[in-house]
């Protein structure tokens, strides 16, 4: 799988939604949170283990930041 480089410059959003789950989003500067232009990762903390997964298993800039919690990750 070939990953696309993030747009430059980038906008970052971070949401620590609980003690064990956080979301990190990357998009081009100027992107709105409800536009399908975000690459989103879910970060899961379990003891000493940290798991990072892409939304819908894609590294593409195709998701809405506002929908991060309802996406599937893998």
PDB file of N, CA and C in Angstrom:
ATOM      1  N   UNK A   1       0.835  -1.163   0.000  1.00  0.00           N
ATOM      2  CA  UNK A   1       0.000   0.000   0.000  1.00  0.00           C
ATOM      3  C   UNK A   1       0.886   1.234   0.000  1.00  0.00           C
ATOM      4  N   UNK A   2       0.602   2.146  -0.841  1.00  0.00           N
ATOM      5  CA  UNK A   2       1.360   3.400  -0.897  1.00  0.00           C
ATOM      6  C   UNK A   2       0.540   4.488  -0.222  1.00  0.00           C
ATOM      7  N   UNK A   3       1.150   5.177   0.736  1.00  0.00           N
ATOM      8  CA  UNK A   3       0.472   6.232   1.462  1.00  0.00           C
ATOM      9  C   UNK A   3       0.742   7.573   0.809  1.00  0.00           C
ATOM     10  N   UNK A   4      -0.298   8.392   0.743  1.00  0.00           N
ATOM     11  CA  UNK A   4      -0.119   9.743   0.236  1.00  0.00           C
ATOM     12  C   UNK A   4       0.479  10.613   1.325  1.00  0.00           C
ATOM     13  N   UNK A   5       1.333  11.517   0.936  1.00  0.00           N
ATOM     14  CA  UNK A   5       1.899  12.477   1.889  1.00  0.00           C
ATOM     15  C   UNK A   5       0.808  13.448   2.309  1.00  0.00           C
ATOM     16  N   UNK A   6       0.870  13.926   3.546  1.00  0.00           N
ATOM     17  CA  UNK A   6      -0.138  14.898   3.982  1.00  0.00           C
ATOM     18  C   UNK A   6      -0.019  16.191   3.201  1.00  0.00           C
ATOM     19  N   UNK A   7      -1.136  16.904   3.063  1.00  0.00           N
ATOM     20  CA  UNK A   7      -1.055  18.194   2.389  1.00  0.00           C
ATOM     21  C   UNK A   7      -0.136  19.119   3.178  1.00  0.00           C
ATOM     22  N   UNK A   8       0.428  20.080   2.499  1.00  0.00           N
ATOM     23  CA  UNK A   8       1.351  20.973   3.187  1.00  0.00           C
ATOM     24  C   UNK A   8       0.904  22.400   2.949  1.00  0.00           C
ATOM     25  N   UNK A   9       0.716  23.226   3.906  1.00  0.00           N
ATOM     26  CA  UNK A   9       0.808  22.949   5.344  1.00  0.00           C
ATOM     27  C   UNK A   9      -0.420  22.184   5.828  1.00  0.00           C
ATOM     28  N   UNK A  10      -0.345  21.625   7.012  1.00  0.00           N
ATOM     29  CA  UNK A  10      -1.416  20.776   7.518  1.00  0.00           C
ATOM     30  C   UNK A  10      -2.145  21.396   8.705  1.00  0.00           C
ATOM     31  N   UNK A  11      -3.363  20.968   8.859  1.00  0.00           N
ATOM     32  CA  UNK A  11      -4.165  21.298  10.038  1.00  0.00           C
ATOM     33  C   UNK A  11      -4.289  20.019  10.845  1.00  0.00           C
ATOM     34  N   UNK A  12      -4.082  20.116  12.146  1.00  0.00           N
ATOM     35  CA  UNK A  12      -4.205  18.959  13.034  1.00  0.00           C
ATOM     36  C   UNK A  12      -5.334  19.196  14.022  1.00  0.00           C
ATOM     37  N   UNK A  13      -6.072  18.146  14.296  1.00  0.00           N
ATOM     38  CA  UNK A  13      -7.080  18.156  15.350  1.00  0.00           C
ATOM     39  C   UNK A  13      -6.814  16.938  16.228  1.00  0.00           C
ATOM     40  N   UNK A  14      -6.995  17.108  17.528  1.00  0.00           N
ATOM     41  CA  UNK A  14      -6.792  16.018  18.483  1.00  0.00           C
ATOM     42  C   UNK A  14      -7.963  16.020  19.451  1.00  0.00           C
ATOM     43  N   UNK A  15      -8.506  14.838  19.708  1.00  0.00           N
ATOM     44  CA  UNK A  15      -9.625  14.698  20.633  1.00  0.00           C
ATOM     45  C   UNK A  15      -9.343  13.531  21.565  1.00  0.00           C
ATOM     46  N   UNK A  16      -9.097  13.824  22.831  1.00  0.00           N
ATOM     47  CA  UNK A  16      -8.925  12.781  23.851  1.00  0.00           C
ATOM     48  C   UNK A  16     -10.325  12.507  24.392  1.00  0.00           C
ATOM     49  N   UNK A  17     -11.043  11.586  23.746  1.00  0.00           N
ATOM     50  CA  UNK A  17     -12.449  11.381  24.069  1.00  0.00           C
ATOM     51  C   UNK A  17     -12.675  10.604  25.361  1.00  0.00           C
ATOM     52  N   UNK A  18     -11.659   9.860  25.814  1.00  0.00           N
ATOM     53  CA  UNK A  18     -11.745   9.137  27.089  1.00  0.00           C
ATOM     54  C   UNK A  18     -10.327   8.848  27.567  1.00  0.00           C
ATOM     55  N   UNK A  19     -10.211   8.142  28.673  1.00  0.00           N
ATOM     56  CA  UNK A  19      -8.884   7.776  29.175  1.00  0.00           C
ATOM     57  C   UNK A  19      -8.173   6.788  28.253  1.00  0.00           C
ATOM     58  N   UNK A  20      -8.937   6.050  27.456  1.00  0.00           N
ATOM     59  CA  UNK A  20      -8.354   5.000  26.624  1.00  0.00           C
ATOM     60  C   UNK A  20      -8.433   5.245  25.131  1.00  0.00           C
ATOM     61  N   UNK A  21      -9.171   6.273  24.688  1.00  0.00           N
ATOM     62  CA  UNK A  21      -9.362   6.528  23.251  1.00  0.00           C
ATOM     63  C   UNK A  21      -9.061   7.991  22.930  1.00  0.00           C
ATOM     64  N   UNK A  22      -8.279   8.190  21.861  1.00  0.00           N
ATOM     65  CA  UNK A  22      -8.025   9.523  21.335  1.00  0.00           C
ATOM     66  C   UNK A  22      -8.101   9.449  19.814  1.00  0.00           C
ATOM     67  N   UNK A  23      -8.375  10.585  19.194  1.00  0.00           N
ATOM     68  CA  UNK A  23      -8.432  10.672  17.736  1.00  0.00           C
ATOM     69  C   UNK A  23      -7.478  11.768  17.277  1.00  0.00           C
ATOM     70  N   UNK A  24      -6.784  11.500  16.170  1.00  0.00           N
ATOM     71  CA  UNK A  24      -5.885  12.471  15.569  1.00  0.00           C
ATOM     72  C   UNK A  24      -6.288  12.638  14.111  1.00  0.00           C
ATOM     73  N   UNK A  25      -6.589  13.870  13.726  1.00  0.00           N
ATOM     74  CA  UNK A  25      -6.985  14.146  12.356  1.00  0.00           C
ATOM     75  C   UNK A  25      -6.005  15.081  11.682  1.00  0.00           C
ATOM     76  N   UNK A  26      -5.788  14.850  10.388  1.00  0.00           N
ATOM     77  CA  UNK A  26      -4.898  15.671   9.575  1.00  0.00           C
ATOM     78  C   UNK A  26      -5.638  16.062   8.302  1.00  0.00           C
ATOM     79  N   UNK A  27      -5.544  17.339   7.949  1.00  0.00           N
ATOM     80  CA  UNK A  27      -6.166  17.838   6.722  1.00  0.00           C
ATOM     81  C   UNK A  27      -5.396  19.070   6.257  1.00  0.00           C
ATOM     82  N   UNK A  28      -5.712  19.517   5.062  1.00  0.00           N
ATOM     83  CA  UNK A  28      -5.096  20.741   4.552  1.00  0.00           C
ATOM     84  C   UNK A  28      -5.603  21.933   5.365  1.00  0.00           C
ATOM     85  N   UNK A  29      -4.741  22.920   5.567  1.00  0.00           N
ATOM     86  CA  UNK A  29      -5.146  24.151   6.248  1.00  0.00           C
ATOM     87  C   UNK A  29      -6.346  24.729   5.503  1.00  0.00           C
ATOM     88  N   UNK A  30      -7.337  25.164   6.254  1.00  0.00           N
ATOM     89  CA  UNK A  30      -8.550  25.710   5.657  1.00  0.00           C
ATOM     90  C   UNK A  30      -9.670  24.702   5.530  1.00  0.00           C
ATOM     91  N   UNK A  31      -9.358  23.423   5.742  1.00  0.00           N
ATOM     92  CA  UNK A  31     -10.411  22.396   5.683  1.00  0.00           C
ATOM     93  C   UNK A  31     -11.370  22.583   6.840  1.00  0.00           C
ATOM     94  N   UNK A  32     -12.648  22.437   6.549  1.00  0.00           N
ATOM     95  CA  UNK A  32     -13.663  22.496   7.594  1.00  0.00           C
ATOM     96  C   UNK A  32     -13.820  21.106   8.214  1.00  0.00           C
ATOM     97  N   UNK A  33     -14.222  21.057   9.464  1.00  0.00           N
ATOM     98  CA  UNK A  33     -14.325  19.771  10.157  1.00  0.00           C
ATOM     99  C   UNK A  33     -15.420  18.879   9.592  1.00  0.00           C
ATOM    100  N   UNK A  34     -16.392  19.466   8.868  1.00  0.00           N
ATOM    101  CA  UNK A  34     -17.460  18.650   8.296  1.00  0.00           C
ATOM    102  C   UNK A  34     -17.246  18.359   6.807  1.00  0.00           C
ATOM    103  N   UNK A  35     -16.050  18.620   6.295  1.00  0.00           N
ATOM    104  CA  UNK A  35     -15.696  18.281   4.910  1.00  0.00           C
ATOM    105  C   UNK A  35     -15.005  16.922   4.876  1.00  0.00           C
ATOM    106  N   UNK A  36     -15.257  16.172   3.820  1.00  0.00           N
ATOM    107  CA  UNK A  36     -14.625  14.860   3.644  1.00  0.00           C
ATOM    108  C   UNK A  36     -13.209  15.053   3.102  1.00  0.00           C
ATOM    109  N   UNK A  37     -12.338  15.600   3.960  1.00  0.00           N
ATOM    110  CA  UNK A  37     -10.964  15.907   3.549  1.00  0.00           C
ATOM    111  C   UNK A  37      -9.962  15.566   4.652  1.00  0.00           C
ATOM    112  N   UNK A  38     -10.349  14.692   5.560  1.00  0.00           N
ATOM    113  CA  UNK A  38      -9.528  14.382   6.732  1.00  0.00           C
ATOM    114  C   UNK A  38      -8.996  12.961   6.694  1.00  0.00           C
ATOM    115  N   UNK A  39      -7.765  12.800   7.151  1.00  0.00           N
ATOM    116  CA  UNK A  39      -7.195  11.477   7.451  1.00  0.00           C
ATOM    117  C   UNK A  39      -7.264  11.356   8.970  1.00  0.00           C
ATOM    118  N   UNK A  40      -7.951  10.321   9.449  1.00  0.00           N
ATOM    119  CA  UNK A  40      -8.218  10.193  10.877  1.00  0.00           C
ATOM    120  C   UNK A  40      -7.646   8.890  11.412  1.00  0.00           C
ATOM    121  N   UNK A  41      -6.998   9.005  12.562  1.00  0.00           N
ATOM    122  CA  UNK A  41      -6.474   7.832  13.269  1.00  0.00           C
ATOM    123  C   UNK A  41      -7.111   7.762  14.649  1.00  0.00           C
ATOM    124  N   UNK A  42      -7.413   6.540  15.081  1.00  0.00           N
ATOM    125  CA  UNK A  42      -7.853   6.324  16.455  1.00  0.00           C
ATOM    126  C   UNK A  42      -6.680   5.740  17.224  1.00  0.00           C
ATOM    127  N   UNK A  43      -6.412   6.292  18.384  1.00  0.00           N
ATOM    128  CA  UNK A  43      -5.316   5.833  19.238  1.00  0.00           C
ATOM    129  C   UNK A  43      -5.948   5.229  20.482  1.00  0.00           C
ATOM    130  N   UNK A  44      -5.629   3.958  20.735  1.00  0.00           N
ATOM    131  CA  UNK A  44      -6.187   3.246  21.881  1.00  0.00           C
ATOM    132  C   UNK A  44      -5.068   2.950  22.871  1.00  0.00           C
ATOM    133  N   UNK A  45      -5.294   3.319  24.131  1.00  0.00           N
ATOM    134  CA  UNK A  45      -4.324   3.096  25.204  1.00  0.00           C
ATOM    135  C   UNK A  45      -4.854   1.984  26.106  1.00  0.00           C
ATOM    136  N   UNK A  46      -4.084   0.920  26.264  1.00  0.00           N
ATOM    137  CA  UNK A  46      -4.471  -0.202  27.128  1.00  0.00           C
ATOM    138  C   UNK A  46      -3.246  -0.606  27.941  1.00  0.00           C
ATOM    139  N   UNK A  47      -3.146  -0.085  29.149  1.00  0.00           N
ATOM    140  CA  UNK A  47      -1.954  -0.342  29.951  1.00  0.00           C
ATOM    141  C   UNK A  47      -0.739   0.246  29.271  1.00  0.00           C
ATOM    142  N   UNK A  48       0.266  -0.593  29.009  1.00  0.00           N
ATOM    143  CA  UNK A  48       1.481  -0.153  28.329  1.00  0.00           C
ATOM    144  C   UNK A  48       1.367  -0.230  26.809  1.00  0.00           C
ATOM    145  N   UNK A  49       0.269  -0.765  26.307  1.00  0.00           N
ATOM    146  CA  UNK A  49       0.084  -0.929  24.865  1.00  0.00           C
ATOM    147  C   UNK A  49      -0.633   0.272  24.256  1.00  0.00           C
ATOM    148  N   UNK A  50      -0.170   0.672  23.074  1.00  0.00           N
ATOM    149  CA  UNK A  50      -0.806   1.743  22.310  1.00  0.00           C
ATOM    150  C   UNK A  50      -1.066   1.198  20.907  1.00  0.00           C
ATOM    151  N   UNK A  51      -2.308   1.316  20.454  1.00  0.00           N
ATOM    152  CA  UNK A  51      -2.682   0.863  19.113  1.00  0.00           C
ATOM    153  C   UNK A  51      -3.153   2.063  18.312  1.00  0.00           C
ATOM    154  N   UNK A  52      -2.635   2.196  17.081  1.00  0.00           N
ATOM    155  CA  UNK A  52      -3.028   3.287  16.194  1.00  0.00           C
ATOM    156  C   UNK A  52      -3.639   2.665  14.949  1.00  0.00           C
ATOM    157  N   UNK A  53      -4.877   3.072  14.649  1.00  0.00           N
ATOM    158  CA  UNK A  53      -5.600   2.518  13.508  1.00  0.00           C
ATOM    159  C   UNK A  53      -6.175   3.640  12.660  1.00  0.00           C
ATOM    160  N   UNK A  54      -6.179   3.438  11.330  1.00  0.00           N
ATOM    161  CA  UNK A  54      -6.783   4.398  10.414  1.00  0.00           C
ATOM    162  C   UNK A  54      -8.291   4.196  10.346  1.00  0.00           C
ATOM    163  N   UNK A  55      -9.034   5.272  10.153  1.00  0.00           N
ATOM    164  CA  UNK A  55     -10.476   5.190   9.936  1.00  0.00           C
ATOM    165  C   UNK A  55     -10.752   4.429   8.651  1.00  0.00           C
ATOM    166  N   UNK A  56     -11.687   3.494   8.736  1.00  0.00           N
ATOM    167  CA  UNK A  56     -12.095   2.693   7.578  1.00  0.00           C
ATOM    168  C   UNK A  56     -10.900   2.015   6.910  1.00  0.00           C
ATOM    169  N   UNK A  57      -9.827   1.802   7.645  1.00  0.00           N
ATOM    170  CA  UNK A  57      -8.585   1.155   7.198  1.00  0.00           C
ATOM    171  C   UNK A  57      -7.922   1.861   6.010  1.00  0.00           C
ATOM    172  N   UNK A  58      -8.178   3.153   5.849  1.00  0.00           N
ATOM    173  CA  UNK A  58      -7.544   3.890   4.751  1.00  0.00           C
ATOM    174  C   UNK A  58      -6.782   5.100   5.279  1.00  0.00           C
ATOM    175  N   UNK A  59      -5.658   5.374   4.653  1.00  0.00           N
ATOM    176  CA  UNK A  59      -4.864   6.545   5.006  1.00  0.00           C
ATOM    177  C   UNK A  59      -5.228   7.733   4.124  1.00  0.00           C
ATOM    178  N   UNK A  60      -6.318   7.606   3.373  1.00  0.00           N
ATOM    179  CA  UNK A  60      -6.741   8.680   2.484  1.00  0.00           C
ATOM    180  C   UNK A  60      -7.360   9.850   3.234  1.00  0.00           C
ATOM    181  N   UNK A  61      -7.363  10.994   2.594  1.00  0.00           N
ATOM    182  CA  UNK A  61      -7.955  12.217   3.145  1.00  0.00           C
ATOM    183  C   UNK A  61      -9.410  12.284   2.670  1.00  0.00           C
ATOM    184  N   UNK A  62     -10.241  11.400   3.209  1.00  0.00           N
ATOM    185  CA  UNK A  62     -11.595  11.202   2.682  1.00  0.00           C
ATOM    186  C   UNK A  62     -12.683  11.212   3.755  1.00  0.00           C
ATOM    187  N   UNK A  63     -12.349  11.536   4.987  1.00  0.00           N
ATOM    188  CA  UNK A  63     -13.316  11.454   6.079  1.00  0.00           C
ATOM    189  C   UNK A  63     -13.661  12.835   6.631  1.00  0.00           C
ATOM    190  N   UNK A  64     -14.747  12.881   7.399  1.00  0.00           N
ATOM    191  CA  UNK A  64     -15.156  14.103   8.087  1.00  0.00           C
ATOM    192  C   UNK A  64     -14.718  13.999   9.547  1.00  0.00           C
ATOM    193  N   UNK A  65     -14.027  15.015  10.030  1.00  0.00           N
ATOM    194  CA  UNK A  65     -13.579  15.028  11.429  1.00  0.00           C
ATOM    195  C   UNK A  65     -14.774  14.916  12.373  1.00  0.00           C
ATOM    196  N   UNK A  66     -15.879  15.524  12.019  1.00  0.00           N
ATOM    197  CA  UNK A  66     -17.068  15.508  12.868  1.00  0.00           C
ATOM    198  C   UNK A  66     -17.653  14.103  13.021  1.00  0.00           C
ATOM    199  N   UNK A  67     -17.292  13.171  12.169  1.00  0.00           N
ATOM    200  CA  UNK A  67     -17.813  11.797  12.225  1.00  0.00           C
ATOM    201  C   UNK A  67     -16.820  10.799  12.814  1.00  0.00           C
ATOM    202  N   UNK A  68     -15.719  11.271  13.384  1.00  0.00           N
ATOM    203  CA  UNK A  68     -14.622  10.402  13.836  1.00  0.00           C
ATOM    204  C   UNK A  68     -15.065   9.280  14.763  1.00  0.00           C
ATOM    205  N   UNK A  69     -15.969   9.554  15.680  1.00  0.00           N
ATOM    206  CA  UNK A  69     -16.363   8.537  16.663  1.00  0.00           C
ATOM    207  C   UNK A  69     -17.243   7.450  16.067  1.00  0.00           C
ATOM    208  N   UNK A  70     -17.917   7.741  14.953  1.00  0.00           N
ATOM    209  CA  UNK A  70     -18.827   6.748  14.359  1.00  0.00           C
ATOM    210  C   UNK A  70     -18.181   5.923  13.242  1.00  0.00           C
ATOM    211  N   UNK A  71     -16.949   6.225  12.868  1.00  0.00           N
ATOM    212  CA  UNK A  71     -16.259   5.470  11.831  1.00  0.00           C
ATOM    213  C   UNK A  71     -15.754   4.149  12.390  1.00  0.00           C
ATOM    214  N   UNK A  72     -15.528   3.170  11.507  1.00  0.00           N
ATOM    215  CA  UNK A  72     -14.892   1.927  11.949  1.00  0.00           C
ATOM    216  C   UNK A  72     -13.388   2.054  11.724  1.00  0.00           C
ATOM    217  N   UNK A  73     -12.628   1.367  12.521  1.00  0.00           N
ATOM    218  CA  UNK A  73     -11.164   1.476  12.486  1.00  0.00           C
ATOM    219  C   UNK A  73     -10.543   0.094  12.395  1.00  0.00           C
ATOM    220  N   UNK A  74      -9.392   0.033  11.748  1.00  0.00           N
ATOM    221  CA  UNK A  74      -8.711  -1.235  11.636  1.00  0.00           C
ATOM    222  C   UNK A  74      -7.370  -1.090  11.006  1.00  0.00           C
TER     223      UNK A  74
END
